Amino acid sequence: MISPVAHVGEMASYELAALQDLEAISLAQNESAFPMSPAAVTAGRSALEQSTLYPDPDWSSLRQSIANNHKLDPSGILCGAGSMELIGCIIRAYAGPGDTVVGTEYGYAFVATAANQACAIHIKAKEGNLTVSVDEILSTIDKTTKIVFVCNPGNPTGTLIPNEDILRLRSTMPDNVLLVIDQAYAEFADHHQHPQEVFQLAARGDTVVLRTFSKAYGLAGTRVGWGYFPSNILLEARKLLNPNNVSITSQAMATAAMDDQEHMASVVTKTTTIRDKFTHAIRNLGVHVPTSHTNFALLQFDSPQTAQRIDEALKRNKLILRSMGGYGLSNCLRATICKQPTMDRVVAVIKGELQ
């Protein structure tokens, strides 16, 4: 019998949403409710003609577009096949056996998977009211800590901490611990914050900021993420990226999407309008919903039994939400914001079960 290396054999597979019913509407994966920019569609079709070639390994046009729109130095940008690739490379570059990677109680679950792949130990700092706590993170850091991951806005909670808390965390934690700020949903919260305050932390040499095209830009299927890195961290992480990791088509589509900020902003506005109407309706049914700064909402029921009953009722009605038991939130379901008629159906099913 051929056996895997021990730590891989002991790992559980990373679990995505269960979508067995192909006729059902998925509200489980935080995909965009609205189409991508028409410019991205046009760019993708044009780029298909170049598919006999390998893609640009330096993502030159894409990096420049990101830099122009975010007022960043393009040399500090790395692009990945989704931000998941960048997370994995960062952890493998800076953590290994005996090292700890600190996340938060309800932080993005893939960080734990990536830590396990590197034989590092993943530790969760407690959150308060489903919100990242800087003080709890600081109390969790010890001599074995190599990396701290903070997802802001949070997934699966949707909650947000102010930039001042991020800056306090960075200034208080040890300089030899890498801080990674995962801002996959930042476009839904940028109007509440000043993004440059966080991006500027990269100049310290000890902080990375990650973003993605999967959410507000509607390009989940193209698998494009990016990060802003200090030069010393970028050099090491890049060694672990797959060469030619982002396809020609994906680079072209992401570049066009980044350059169409008006379209992205319209998607954010439409999504948040539907989200706020939906969460108001759910709260009126007596269900707790934390204030969301993302394209999803976390529905917190009075018990795991109620959440399961609601989940089953929704599935019978061809609506799939994300169960949160894997995050230790077995009384919760997470609902991706879809177009208004779908959200109205979700409200109706839940109302029928609760009343």
Protein backbone atom coordinates (compact mmCIF):
# COMPACT_ATOMS: atom_id res chain seq x y z
CA MET A 1 0.00 0.00 0.00
CA ILE A 2 1.30 3.44 -0.92
CA SER A 3 0.92 5.87 1.99
CA PRO A 4 1.00 9.67 1.98
CA VAL A 5 3.36 11.61 4.23
CA ALA A 6 2.02 11.52 7.77
CA HIS A 7 0.73 15.06 8.13
CA VAL A 8 -1.19 14.89 4.84
CA GLY A 9 -2.75 11.56 5.77
CA GLU A 10 -3.99 13.09 9.03
CA MET A 11 -5.53 16.15 7.35
CA ALA A 12 -9.21 16.53 6.56
CA SER A 13 -10.07 17.74 3.06
CA TYR A 14 -11.06 21.38 2.77
CA GLU A 15 -14.84 21.47 2.47
CA LEU A 16 -16.67 23.70 0.03
CA ALA A 17 -20.44 24.18 0.06
CA ALA A 18 -22.49 21.08 -0.73
CA LEU A 19 -24.34 21.74 -4.00
CA GLN A 20 -25.69 18.34 -4.98
CA ASP A 21 -29.05 19.68 -6.23
CA LEU A 22 -28.17 21.29 -9.55
CA GLU A 23 -31.70 22.67 -9.92
CA ALA A 24 -31.47 24.63 -6.68
CA ILE A 25 -30.34 28.24 -6.33
CA SER A 26 -27.07 28.48 -4.42
CA LEU A 27 -26.74 31.16 -1.76
CA ALA A 28 -23.79 29.29 -0.28
CA GLN A 29 -20.57 30.54 -1.89
CA ASN A 30 -20.67 34.36 -1.74
CA GLU A 31 -20.65 34.73 -5.51
CA SER A 32 -21.77 37.99 -7.07
CA ALA A 33 -25.48 38.55 -7.56
CA PHE A 34 -24.79 40.55 -10.70
CA PRO A 35 -22.80 39.98 -13.90
CA MET A 36 -19.22 41.08 -14.34
CA SER A 37 -18.34 44.23 -16.23
CA PRO A 38 -19.21 44.02 -19.96
CA ALA A 39 -15.66 45.20 -20.58
CA ALA A 40 -14.36 42.08 -18.82
CA VAL A 41 -16.50 39.85 -21.05
CA THR A 42 -15.16 41.56 -24.17
CA ALA A 43 -11.57 41.35 -22.94
CA GLY A 44 -11.94 37.67 -22.13
CA ARG A 45 -13.29 36.80 -25.55
CA SER A 46 -10.47 38.66 -27.23
CA ALA A 47 -7.86 36.99 -25.03
CA LEU A 48 -9.07 33.52 -26.01
CA GLU A 49 -7.31 33.98 -29.35
CA GLN A 50 -3.97 34.04 -27.49
CA SER A 51 -4.56 30.79 -25.62
CA THR A 52 -1.85 28.95 -27.55
CA LEU A 53 0.64 31.04 -25.54
CA TYR A 54 1.63 30.92 -21.90
CA PRO A 55 0.32 33.86 -19.85
CA ASP A 56 2.44 36.79 -18.74
CA PRO A 57 4.25 35.47 -15.63
CA ASP A 58 4.52 39.01 -14.24
CA TRP A 59 0.85 39.96 -14.79
CA SER A 60 2.19 43.27 -16.12
CA SER A 61 -1.03 44.89 -17.34
CA LEU A 62 -3.04 43.61 -14.41
CA ARG A 63 -0.51 44.79 -11.83
CA GLN A 64 -0.40 48.22 -13.44
CA SER A 65 -4.18 48.47 -13.48
CA ILE A 66 -4.40 47.53 -9.79
CA ALA A 67 -1.63 49.98 -8.96
CA ASN A 68 -3.28 52.82 -10.87
CA ASN A 69 -6.69 52.30 -9.27
CA HIS A 70 -5.37 51.85 -5.72
CA LYS A 71 -2.44 54.28 -5.91
CA LEU A 72 0.10 51.57 -5.19
CA ASP A 73 3.58 50.65 -6.41
CA PRO A 74 3.09 47.85 -8.99
CA SER A 75 6.34 46.21 -7.91
CA GLY A 76 4.70 45.40 -4.57
CA ILE A 77 1.82 43.46 -6.11
CA LEU A 78 1.61 39.69 -6.49
CA CYS A 79 -1.26 37.98 -8.29
CA GLY A 80 -2.50 34.49 -7.55
CA ALA A 81 -5.00 31.91 -8.71
CA GLY A 82 -7.43 33.35 -6.20
CA SER A 83 -6.23 34.76 -2.89
CA MET A 84 -6.18 31.15 -1.64
CA GLU A 85 -2.98 30.53 -3.60
CA LEU A 86 -1.37 33.57 -2.01
CA ILE A 87 -2.45 32.48 1.49
CA GLY A 88 -0.90 29.07 0.95
CA CYS A 89 2.37 30.50 -0.34
CA ILE A 90 2.69 32.99 2.52
CA ILE A 91 2.21 30.29 5.15
CA ARG A 92 4.58 27.83 3.50
CA ALA A 93 7.21 30.56 3.22
CA TYR A 94 7.05 31.69 6.84
CA ALA A 95 5.68 28.87 9.01
CA GLY A 96 6.61 25.25 9.49
CA PRO A 97 6.77 22.46 12.07
CA GLY A 98 6.44 23.81 15.61
CA ASP A 99 5.37 27.28 14.44
CA THR A 100 1.93 28.72 15.10
CA VAL A 101 -0.33 30.67 12.78
CA VAL A 102 -2.87 32.76 14.66
CA GLY A 103 -6.28 33.31 13.13
CA THR A 104 -9.53 34.32 14.77
CA GLU A 105 -12.40 32.27 16.15
CA TYR A 106 -14.57 32.71 13.07
CA GLY A 107 -11.89 33.57 10.54
CA TYR A 108 -11.56 32.16 7.02
CA ALA A 109 -11.27 28.37 7.39
CA PHE A 110 -8.74 27.90 4.57
CA VAL A 111 -6.04 29.47 6.74
CA ALA A 112 -6.17 26.43 9.03
CA THR A 113 -5.92 24.11 6.02
CA ALA A 114 -2.90 25.98 4.66
CA ALA A 115 -1.23 25.88 8.09
CA ASN A 116 -1.77 22.12 8.27
CA GLN A 117 -0.21 21.73 4.83
CA ALA A 118 2.92 23.42 6.18
CA CYS A 119 2.93 21.29 9.37
CA ALA A 120 2.31 24.48 11.36
CA ILE A 121 -0.21 24.82 14.18
CA HIS A 122 -3.32 26.95 13.67
CA ILE A 123 -4.61 28.75 16.76
CA LYS A 124 -7.84 30.73 16.98
CA ALA A 125 -8.03 33.95 18.97
CA LYS A 126 -11.47 34.48 20.50
CA GLU A 127 -13.87 36.98 18.97
CA GLY A 128 -16.41 39.11 20.82
CA ASN A 129 -19.96 39.35 19.47
CA LEU A 130 -18.81 37.66 16.24
CA THR A 131 -16.24 40.43 15.74
CA VAL A 132 -12.44 40.29 15.64
CA SER A 133 -10.85 41.33 18.95
CA VAL A 134 -7.41 42.89 18.71
CA ASP A 135 -6.82 42.36 22.44
CA GLU A 136 -7.60 38.64 22.15
CA ILE A 137 -5.21 38.31 19.21
CA LEU A 138 -2.45 40.05 21.15
CA SER A 139 -2.99 37.77 24.15
CA THR A 140 -2.75 34.70 21.88
CA ILE A 141 0.60 35.61 20.30
CA ASP A 142 3.62 33.90 21.86
CA LYS A 143 7.21 33.04 20.95
CA THR A 144 6.06 30.36 18.48
CA THR A 145 3.82 32.74 16.49
CA LYS A 146 5.05 33.42 12.96
CA ILE A 147 1.94 34.80 11.24
CA VAL A 148 -1.31 36.48 12.29
CA PHE A 149 -4.25 36.38 9.86
CA VAL A 150 -7.11 38.85 10.17
CA CYS A 151 -10.09 38.68 7.82
CA ASN A 152 -11.66 42.16 7.68
CA PRO A 153 -14.56 42.30 6.88
CA GLY A 154 -14.99 38.90 8.44
CA ASN A 155 -16.10 35.69 6.79
CA PRO A 156 -18.53 34.14 7.78
CA THR A 157 -19.63 36.88 10.17
CA GLY A 158 -19.64 39.91 7.86
CA THR A 159 -18.54 42.13 10.72
CA LEU A 160 -15.92 44.88 10.42
CA ILE A 161 -13.34 46.39 12.73
CA PRO A 162 -12.09 49.93 12.04
CA ASN A 163 -8.70 50.57 10.51
CA GLU A 164 -7.61 52.09 13.82
CA ASP A 165 -7.84 48.61 15.35
CA ILE A 166 -5.74 47.13 12.55
CA LEU A 167 -3.13 49.85 13.03
CA ARG A 168 -3.10 49.26 16.80
CA LEU A 169 -2.67 45.53 16.26
CA ARG A 170 0.29 46.06 13.97
CA SER A 171 1.98 48.61 16.20
CA THR A 172 1.55 46.45 19.32
CA MET A 173 2.38 42.95 18.05
CA PRO A 174 6.03 41.88 17.70
CA ASP A 175 7.88 43.13 14.64
CA ASN A 176 9.05 39.60 13.81
CA VAL A 177 5.48 38.33 13.36
CA LEU A 178 3.96 38.74 9.90
CA LEU A 179 0.49 40.30 9.78
CA VAL A 180 -1.74 39.26 6.87
CA ILE A 181 -4.95 41.24 6.38
CA ASP A 182 -7.42 39.41 4.17
CA GLN A 183 -9.72 41.99 2.58
CA ALA A 184 -11.69 39.75 0.22
CA TYR A 185 -14.84 41.82 0.84
CA ALA A 186 -13.18 45.22 1.19
CA GLU A 187 -15.00 46.80 -1.75
CA PHE A 188 -18.22 46.50 0.26
CA ALA A 189 -16.63 48.43 3.15
CA ASP A 190 -14.14 50.84 1.55
CA HIS A 191 -16.59 53.73 1.86
CA HIS A 192 -16.45 53.27 5.65
CA GLN A 193 -12.66 53.26 5.79
CA HIS A 194 -9.59 54.77 4.15
CA PRO A 195 -7.97 51.83 2.30
CA GLN A 196 -4.59 53.56 2.04
CA GLU A 197 -4.19 53.43 5.81
CA VAL A 198 -3.94 49.66 5.60
CA PHE A 199 -2.03 49.39 2.32
CA GLN A 200 0.62 51.72 3.75
CA LEU A 201 1.44 49.14 6.42
CA ALA A 202 3.31 47.15 3.77
CA ALA A 203 6.04 49.81 3.89
CA ARG A 204 6.94 48.56 7.38
CA GLY A 205 8.17 45.29 5.87
CA ASP A 206 5.98 43.09 8.05
CA THR A 207 2.43 43.31 6.69
CA VAL A 208 0.63 41.90 3.64
CA VAL A 209 -2.81 42.99 2.40
CA LEU A 210 -4.82 40.55 0.25
CA ARG A 211 -7.79 41.21 -2.04
CA THR A 212 -9.70 39.28 -4.71
CA PHE A 213 -11.70 39.65 -7.91
CA SER A 214 -14.14 36.91 -6.86
CA LYS A 215 -16.65 39.04 -4.96
CA ALA A 216 -17.42 42.64 -5.95
CA TYR A 217 -15.96 42.17 -9.43
CA GLY A 218 -17.98 39.01 -10.12
CA LEU A 219 -15.00 36.99 -11.38
CA ALA A 220 -15.07 33.99 -9.04
CA GLY A 221 -14.72 31.58 -11.96
CA THR A 222 -11.55 33.23 -13.27
CA ARG A 223 -9.64 32.63 -10.00
CA VAL A 224 -7.73 35.88 -9.62
CA GLY A 225 -6.54 37.30 -6.32
CA TRP A 226 -3.88 39.83 -5.51
CA GLY A 227 -1.88 41.15 -2.61
CA TYR A 228 0.26 44.12 -1.67
CA PHE A 229 3.55 42.94 -0.21
CA PRO A 230 6.73 44.36 1.29
CA SER A 231 9.58 43.63 -1.09
CA ASN A 232 11.27 41.16 1.27
CA ILE A 233 8.06 39.15 1.82
CA LEU A 234 7.14 39.29 -1.87
CA LEU A 235 10.48 37.77 -2.87
CA GLU A 236 9.98 34.71 -0.67
CA ALA A 237 6.27 34.17 -1.36
CA ARG A 238 6.81 34.42 -5.10
CA LYS A 239 9.21 31.47 -5.02
CA LEU A 240 6.24 29.27 -4.12
CA LEU A 241 3.72 30.56 -6.66
CA ASN A 242 3.01 28.30 -9.60
CA PRO A 243 4.69 29.77 -12.71
CA ASN A 244 2.17 31.19 -15.19
CA ASN A 245 -0.46 30.81 -12.48
CA VAL A 246 -3.11 33.20 -13.84
CA SER A 247 -4.33 32.42 -17.36
CA ILE A 248 -4.24 34.85 -20.26
CA THR A 249 -8.02 35.07 -20.24
CA SER A 250 -8.22 35.63 -16.49
CA GLN A 251 -5.57 38.36 -16.58
CA ALA A 252 -7.37 40.17 -19.38
CA MET A 253 -10.77 39.94 -17.69
CA ALA A 254 -9.45 41.07 -14.31
CA THR A 255 -7.61 44.01 -15.86
CA ALA A 256 -10.75 45.18 -17.65
CA ALA A 257 -12.84 44.71 -14.51
CA MET A 258 -10.38 46.69 -12.39
CA ASP A 259 -10.46 49.51 -14.93
CA ASP A 260 -14.27 49.61 -14.81
CA GLN A 261 -14.63 50.94 -11.29
CA GLU A 262 -18.01 52.43 -12.12
CA HIS A 263 -19.45 48.99 -12.81
CA MET A 264 -17.96 47.52 -9.64
CA ALA A 265 -19.36 50.37 -7.57
CA SER A 266 -22.82 49.84 -9.06
CA VAL A 267 -22.69 46.14 -8.16
CA VAL A 268 -21.73 47.02 -4.59
CA THR A 269 -24.56 49.54 -4.32
CA LYS A 270 -27.19 47.16 -5.70
CA THR A 271 -25.96 44.30 -3.55
CA THR A 272 -25.90 46.28 -0.32
CA THR A 273 -29.38 47.65 -0.98
CA ILE A 274 -30.78 44.12 -1.33
CA ARG A 275 -28.71 42.93 1.65
CA ASP A 276 -30.02 45.62 3.95
CA LYS A 277 -33.64 45.00 2.93
CA PHE A 278 -33.15 41.27 3.46
CA THR A 279 -31.51 41.59 6.87
CA HIS A 280 -34.25 43.99 8.02
CA ALA A 281 -36.90 41.46 7.03
CA ILE A 282 -35.08 38.59 8.76
CA ARG A 283 -34.61 40.61 11.96
CA ASN A 284 -38.34 41.34 11.96
CA LEU A 285 -38.82 37.57 12.27
CA GLY A 286 -36.85 37.59 15.52
CA VAL A 287 -33.61 36.25 14.03
CA HIS A 288 -30.33 37.90 15.00
CA VAL A 289 -28.27 39.13 12.03
CA PRO A 290 -24.94 40.89 12.72
CA THR A 291 -24.40 44.05 10.70
CA SER A 292 -22.80 42.90 7.47
CA HIS A 293 -20.17 44.75 5.45
CA THR A 294 -20.04 42.06 2.75
CA ASN A 295 -22.20 40.43 0.08
CA PHE A 296 -23.66 37.94 2.56
CA ALA A 297 -25.54 37.85 5.84
CA LEU A 298 -25.14 35.52 8.82
CA LEU A 299 -28.48 34.36 10.23
CA GLN A 300 -28.20 33.39 13.90
CA PHE A 301 -31.15 31.27 15.09
CA ASP A 302 -32.08 30.39 18.66
CA SER A 303 -30.68 26.86 18.46
CA PRO A 304 -28.88 24.41 16.16
CA GLN A 305 -32.15 22.50 15.83
CA THR A 306 -33.94 25.57 14.50
CA ALA A 307 -31.12 26.27 12.04
CA GLN A 308 -31.25 22.69 10.78
CA ARG A 309 -35.03 22.82 10.39
CA ILE A 310 -34.79 26.09 8.44
CA ASP A 311 -31.98 24.68 6.31
CA GLU A 312 -34.03 21.61 5.40
CA ALA A 313 -37.07 23.73 4.57
CA LEU A 314 -35.00 25.95 2.31
CA LYS A 315 -33.54 22.93 0.51
CA ARG A 316 -37.04 21.58 -0.08
CA ASN A 317 -37.73 24.91 -1.77
CA LYS A 318 -34.58 24.63 -3.91
CA LEU A 319 -32.63 27.23 -1.93
CA ILE A 320 -29.18 26.31 -0.58
CA LEU A 321 -27.63 28.38 2.20
CA ARG A 322 -24.30 27.59 3.90
CA SER A 323 -24.47 25.69 7.18
CA MET A 324 -21.98 27.06 9.67
CA GLY A 325 -21.39 24.04 11.91
CA GLY A 326 -17.82 23.75 10.64
CA TYR A 327 -17.12 27.18 12.11
CA GLY A 328 -18.59 26.27 15.49
CA LEU A 329 -21.75 28.21 14.64
CA SER A 330 -24.20 25.34 14.36
CA ASN A 331 -27.12 27.69 15.08
CA CYS A 332 -26.28 29.80 12.03
CA LEU A 333 -26.80 29.81 8.29
CA ARG A 334 -24.96 32.12 5.90
CA ALA A 335 -26.89 33.61 3.00
CA THR A 336 -25.14 35.02 -0.05
CA ILE A 337 -27.03 38.05 -1.33
CA CYS A 338 -28.73 37.22 -4.63
CA LYS A 339 -31.23 39.22 -6.65
CA GLN A 340 -34.31 40.50 -4.84
CA PRO A 341 -36.83 37.80 -5.88
CA THR A 342 -34.54 35.08 -4.53
CA MET A 343 -34.04 36.87 -1.22
CA ASP A 344 -37.81 37.36 -0.95
CA ARG A 345 -38.23 33.58 -1.35
CA VAL A 346 -35.73 32.95 1.45
CA VAL A 347 -37.61 35.32 3.75
CA ALA A 348 -40.92 33.65 2.93
CA VAL A 349 -39.63 30.15 3.68
CA ILE A 350 -38.07 31.21 6.98
CA LYS A 351 -41.20 33.12 7.96
CA GLY A 352 -43.30 30.05 7.23
CA GLU A 353 -41.14 27.92 9.51
CA LEU A 354 -40.94 30.37 12.37
CA GLN A 355 -44.50 31.59 12.53
